Amino acid sequence: MNLSDSWAARRPVTARVSAAEAVLADLRAAITSGELAVGERLPSEASLATRHGVSRSVIREALRSCHALGLTETKSGLGTFVISDSIARDLDFGNYAANELVEARPHVEIPAAGWAAQRHSAEDLAALRGLAGQMRDEDDPLVWVSLDAQFHALIARTSRNRVFESVVVDIREALTRQSETLNLVAGRQQRSNDEHDRIVDGIESRSYEVAAKAMAEHLDAVRVALESVVGEAYSADRS
């Protein structure tokens, strides 16, 4: 039995958080403390699932966020390895980095929300309200992030601007990964629900300015959450 397997064999002490949050926090603590050293292969998904008493889908969710934070890398056929003991300065969400999303989204999603306010139909508004309600009632974090991506895509489609719609569709997977990670690391889900409700209210008002402002505030909150995650890592590096 190697060191990572012996670590996985011991049950962790966890707070009252979601299963994936607990797994991610456990992995982060082991990696940043050096218990799981840089260059070491992580235990198998089966071992991690046994350690936490959760399904492999929960383990995969936590591992995706570990990768996004720059802590691990998965090599096909070999497993997942620790590549850093500190969070990266820019988070990786697949095809796009966090900084790229932060820079680009306001130029697309703020005007998309504004035009959606002026151009939406009753059916569009009902669909947006329905998605926002589903997210508020959803307990499964993986389903929630999928609904979140659908919500933003629907706003772009409702803008009746195919450029906005195409861009949001293109970044959809990255948005899903970003939401997944921020929900686990920064507890964003409930706050996002509140912000989404305000966006729908803005669109319903038919005021470009009100809807655009609501989207701008949502994107700014996401930016602050991302900066807090990276800032935490930066502070840890300097201490």
Protein backbone atom coordinates (compact mmCIF):
# COMPACT_ATOMS: atom_id res chain seq x y z
CA MET A 1 0.00 0.00 0.00
CA ASN A 2 1.47 3.39 -1.01
CA LEU A 3 1.14 6.60 1.01
CA SER A 4 -1.88 7.90 -0.89
CA ASP A 5 -3.74 4.62 -0.34
CA SER A 6 -3.05 4.73 3.41
CA TRP A 7 -4.37 8.31 3.52
CA ALA A 8 -7.54 7.23 1.70
CA ALA A 9 -8.09 4.38 4.14
CA ARG A 10 -8.59 6.82 7.03
CA ARG A 11 -12.03 8.42 7.34
CA PRO A 12 -11.98 12.24 7.50
CA VAL A 13 -13.72 14.49 9.99
CA THR A 14 -16.13 16.65 8.01
CA ALA A 15 -18.41 19.59 8.72
CA ARG A 16 -22.06 19.78 7.61
CA VAL A 17 -21.46 20.58 3.95
CA SER A 18 -22.41 18.91 0.68
CA ALA A 19 -20.71 15.62 -0.14
CA ALA A 20 -18.66 17.11 -2.96
CA GLU A 21 -17.62 20.09 -0.81
CA ALA A 22 -16.42 17.68 1.87
CA VAL A 23 -14.40 15.65 -0.64
CA LEU A 24 -12.86 18.75 -2.20
CA ALA A 25 -11.99 20.25 1.20
CA ASP A 26 -10.39 16.96 2.26
CA LEU A 27 -8.32 16.72 -0.92
CA ARG A 28 -7.27 20.38 -0.73
CA ALA A 29 -6.17 19.99 2.88
CA ALA A 30 -4.15 16.86 2.09
CA ILE A 31 -2.51 18.47 -0.93
CA THR A 32 -1.71 21.87 0.60
CA SER A 33 -0.32 20.23 3.75
CA GLY A 34 1.91 17.93 1.69
CA GLU A 35 0.21 14.77 2.92
CA LEU A 36 -0.53 14.12 -0.74
CA ALA A 37 2.71 15.38 -2.25
CA VAL A 38 3.34 17.03 -5.59
CA GLY A 39 3.97 14.30 -8.16
CA GLU A 40 1.97 11.73 -6.23
CA ARG A 41 -0.90 9.87 -7.85
CA LEU A 42 -4.23 10.28 -6.09
CA PRO A 43 -6.05 7.22 -4.79
CA SER A 44 -8.51 5.63 -7.21
CA GLU A 45 -12.06 6.95 -7.46
CA ALA A 46 -13.19 3.73 -5.73
CA SER A 47 -10.83 4.36 -2.79
CA LEU A 48 -11.95 7.97 -2.46
CA ALA A 49 -15.60 6.93 -2.66
CA THR A 50 -15.03 4.42 0.14
CA ARG A 51 -13.16 6.97 2.26
CA HIS A 52 -16.08 9.40 2.11
CA GLY A 53 -18.97 7.00 1.74
CA VAL A 54 -20.17 8.69 -1.44
CA SER A 55 -20.75 7.79 -5.09
CA ARG A 56 -18.10 8.05 -7.78
CA SER A 57 -20.05 10.88 -9.42
CA VAL A 58 -19.49 12.96 -6.27
CA ILE A 59 -15.78 12.11 -6.39
CA ARG A 60 -15.59 13.16 -10.05
CA GLU A 61 -17.28 16.47 -9.22
CA ALA A 62 -14.65 17.19 -6.56
CA LEU A 63 -11.83 16.09 -8.85
CA ARG A 64 -13.00 18.45 -11.60
CA SER A 65 -12.78 21.32 -9.14
CA CYS A 66 -9.34 20.15 -7.96
CA HIS A 67 -8.22 20.36 -11.56
CA ALA A 68 -9.84 23.79 -12.03
CA LEU A 69 -7.95 25.05 -8.98
CA GLY A 70 -4.68 23.93 -10.57
CA LEU A 71 -3.95 21.31 -7.92
CA THR A 72 -4.22 18.14 -10.01
CA GLU A 73 -3.97 16.84 -13.55
CA THR A 74 -5.49 13.67 -14.97
CA LYS A 75 -3.38 11.64 -17.38
CA SER A 76 -5.29 9.22 -19.58
CA GLY A 77 -4.74 5.65 -18.51
CA LEU A 78 -2.47 6.64 -15.63
CA GLY A 79 -4.69 8.41 -13.11
CA THR A 80 -4.86 11.81 -11.44
CA PHE A 81 -1.67 13.37 -10.10
CA VAL A 82 -0.92 16.26 -7.74
CA ILE A 83 0.82 19.00 -9.75
CA SER A 84 0.83 21.86 -7.23
CA ASP A 85 0.35 22.37 -3.50
CA SER A 86 -1.26 25.80 -3.98
CA ILE A 87 -4.17 27.17 -5.98
CA ALA A 88 -3.31 28.56 -9.41
CA ARG A 89 -3.41 32.32 -10.02
CA ASP A 90 -5.86 31.74 -12.89
CA LEU A 91 -8.37 28.92 -12.68
CA ASP A 92 -8.82 26.44 -15.52
CA PHE A 93 -12.35 25.72 -16.74
CA GLY A 94 -11.59 23.58 -19.76
CA ASN A 95 -11.41 25.52 -23.01
CA TYR A 96 -11.23 28.86 -21.19
CA ALA A 97 -9.51 30.26 -18.12
CA ALA A 98 -11.36 32.17 -15.43
CA ASN A 99 -9.72 35.46 -16.35
CA GLU A 100 -10.84 35.09 -19.97
CA LEU A 101 -14.44 34.52 -18.88
CA VAL A 102 -14.33 37.48 -16.49
CA GLU A 103 -13.06 39.77 -19.25
CA ALA A 104 -15.45 38.59 -21.98
CA ARG A 105 -18.78 37.86 -20.30
CA PRO A 106 -19.77 41.47 -19.46
CA HIS A 107 -19.41 42.47 -23.13
CA VAL A 108 -21.88 39.75 -24.14
CA GLU A 109 -24.22 38.94 -21.27
CA ILE A 110 -24.96 42.46 -20.03
CA PRO A 111 -26.28 43.73 -23.37
CA ALA A 112 -27.94 40.35 -23.97
CA ALA A 113 -29.96 40.81 -20.77
CA GLY A 114 -30.82 44.37 -21.81
CA TRP A 115 -32.09 43.35 -25.23
CA ALA A 116 -33.90 40.37 -23.71
CA ALA A 117 -35.83 42.85 -21.56
CA GLN A 118 -36.97 44.72 -24.65
CA ARG A 119 -37.55 41.76 -26.96
CA HIS A 120 -38.83 38.88 -24.81
CA SER A 121 -42.15 37.14 -25.34
CA ALA A 122 -44.47 35.89 -22.62
CA GLU A 123 -43.19 32.37 -23.37
CA ASP A 124 -39.56 33.49 -22.96
CA LEU A 125 -40.31 35.06 -19.59
CA ALA A 126 -42.20 31.99 -18.39
CA ALA A 127 -39.27 29.77 -19.39
CA LEU A 128 -36.79 31.99 -17.54
CA ARG A 129 -39.00 32.05 -14.43
CA GLY A 130 -39.32 28.29 -14.66
CA LEU A 131 -35.55 27.75 -14.83
CA ALA A 132 -34.94 30.15 -11.93
CA GLY A 133 -37.56 28.29 -9.87
CA GLN A 134 -36.05 24.91 -10.73
CA MET A 135 -32.62 26.10 -9.61
CA ARG A 136 -33.99 27.37 -6.31
CA ASP A 137 -35.63 24.00 -5.62
CA GLU A 138 -32.74 21.86 -6.90
CA ASP A 139 -30.65 19.94 -4.35
CA ASP A 140 -28.42 18.06 -6.81
CA PRO A 141 -25.41 20.34 -7.52
CA LEU A 142 -24.73 18.74 -10.91
CA VAL A 143 -28.29 19.32 -12.06
CA TRP A 144 -28.11 22.89 -10.72
CA VAL A 145 -25.03 23.83 -12.75
CA SER A 146 -26.64 22.40 -15.88
CA LEU A 147 -29.75 24.53 -15.25
CA ASP A 148 -27.51 27.55 -14.65
CA ALA A 149 -25.92 27.13 -18.08
CA GLN A 150 -29.38 26.76 -19.64
CA PHE A 151 -30.51 29.96 -17.90
CA HIS A 152 -27.69 32.06 -19.33
CA ALA A 153 -28.09 30.50 -22.78
CA LEU A 154 -31.81 31.27 -22.76
CA ILE A 155 -31.19 34.92 -21.92
CA ALA A 156 -28.81 35.15 -24.87
CA ARG A 157 -31.38 33.50 -27.14
CA THR A 158 -34.10 35.82 -25.86
CA SER A 159 -31.97 38.82 -26.84
CA ARG A 160 -32.70 37.82 -30.46
CA ASN A 161 -29.04 38.45 -31.25
CA ARG A 162 -27.43 35.36 -32.76
CA VAL A 163 -23.91 36.61 -32.02
CA PHE A 164 -24.65 36.77 -28.28
CA GLU A 165 -26.34 33.39 -28.44
CA SER A 166 -23.43 31.79 -30.29
CA VAL A 167 -20.85 33.11 -27.83
CA VAL A 168 -22.76 31.90 -24.77
CA VAL A 169 -23.28 28.47 -26.35
CA ASP A 170 -19.54 28.28 -27.09
CA ILE A 171 -18.56 29.02 -23.47
CA ARG A 172 -21.36 26.94 -21.95
CA GLU A 173 -19.17 24.06 -20.76
CA ALA A 174 -16.70 26.48 -19.17
CA LEU A 175 -19.55 28.29 -17.41
CA THR A 176 -20.79 24.97 -16.04
CA ARG A 177 -17.35 24.10 -14.66
CA GLN A 178 -16.94 27.58 -13.20
CA SER A 179 -20.29 27.41 -11.41
CA GLU A 180 -19.51 23.93 -10.14
CA THR A 181 -16.19 25.05 -8.65
CA LEU A 182 -17.49 28.30 -7.14
CA ASN A 183 -20.41 26.48 -5.53
CA LEU A 184 -18.00 24.05 -3.88
CA VAL A 185 -15.27 26.51 -2.92
CA ALA A 186 -17.14 29.79 -2.38
CA GLY A 187 -20.71 28.69 -1.58
CA ARG A 188 -22.18 30.63 -4.48
CA GLN A 189 -25.35 28.63 -5.21
CA GLN A 190 -27.87 30.41 -2.97
CA ARG A 191 -26.51 33.85 -3.84
CA SER A 192 -26.67 32.98 -7.53
CA ASN A 193 -30.32 32.00 -7.11
CA ASP A 194 -31.09 35.43 -5.65
CA GLU A 195 -29.17 37.18 -8.42
CA HIS A 196 -30.94 35.15 -11.11
CA ASP A 197 -34.32 36.18 -9.69
CA ARG A 198 -33.29 39.83 -9.95
CA ILE A 199 -32.18 39.31 -13.55
CA VAL A 200 -35.56 37.81 -14.46
CA ASP A 201 -37.31 40.69 -12.68
CA GLY A 202 -35.21 43.09 -14.75
CA ILE A 203 -36.11 41.34 -17.98
CA GLU A 204 -39.79 41.35 -17.01
CA SER A 205 -39.61 45.12 -16.45
CA ARG A 206 -38.83 45.60 -20.17
CA SER A 207 -36.22 48.13 -19.11
CA TYR A 208 -32.86 47.64 -20.84
CA GLU A 209 -31.10 49.49 -18.03
CA VAL A 210 -32.68 47.51 -15.16
CA ALA A 211 -32.00 44.13 -16.75
CA ALA A 212 -28.46 45.08 -17.77
CA LYS A 213 -27.73 46.33 -14.24
CA ALA A 214 -29.00 43.09 -12.69
CA MET A 215 -26.77 41.02 -14.98
CA ALA A 216 -23.80 43.31 -14.33
CA GLU A 217 -24.23 42.85 -10.58
CA HIS A 218 -24.40 39.07 -11.01
CA LEU A 219 -21.23 38.95 -13.11
CA ASP A 220 -19.46 41.26 -10.68
CA ALA A 221 -20.36 38.93 -7.79
CA VAL A 222 -18.92 36.01 -9.75
CA ARG A 223 -15.74 38.01 -10.37
CA VAL A 224 -15.39 38.82 -6.67
CA ALA A 225 -15.87 35.16 -5.76
CA LEU A 226 -13.19 34.10 -8.22
CA GLU A 227 -10.82 36.75 -6.92
CA SER A 228 -11.44 35.59 -3.34
CA VAL A 229 -10.44 32.03 -4.25
CA VAL A 230 -7.27 33.13 -6.02
CA GLY A 231 -6.56 35.79 -3.38
CA GLU A 232 -6.77 33.16 -0.67
CA ALA A 233 -4.12 31.17 -2.50
CA TYR A 234 -1.96 34.27 -2.96
CA SER A 235 -2.15 35.10 0.74
CA ALA A 236 -1.21 31.53 1.61
CA ASP A 237 1.81 31.72 -0.72
CA ARG A 238 3.05 34.88 1.01
CA SER A 239 2.53 33.72 4.58
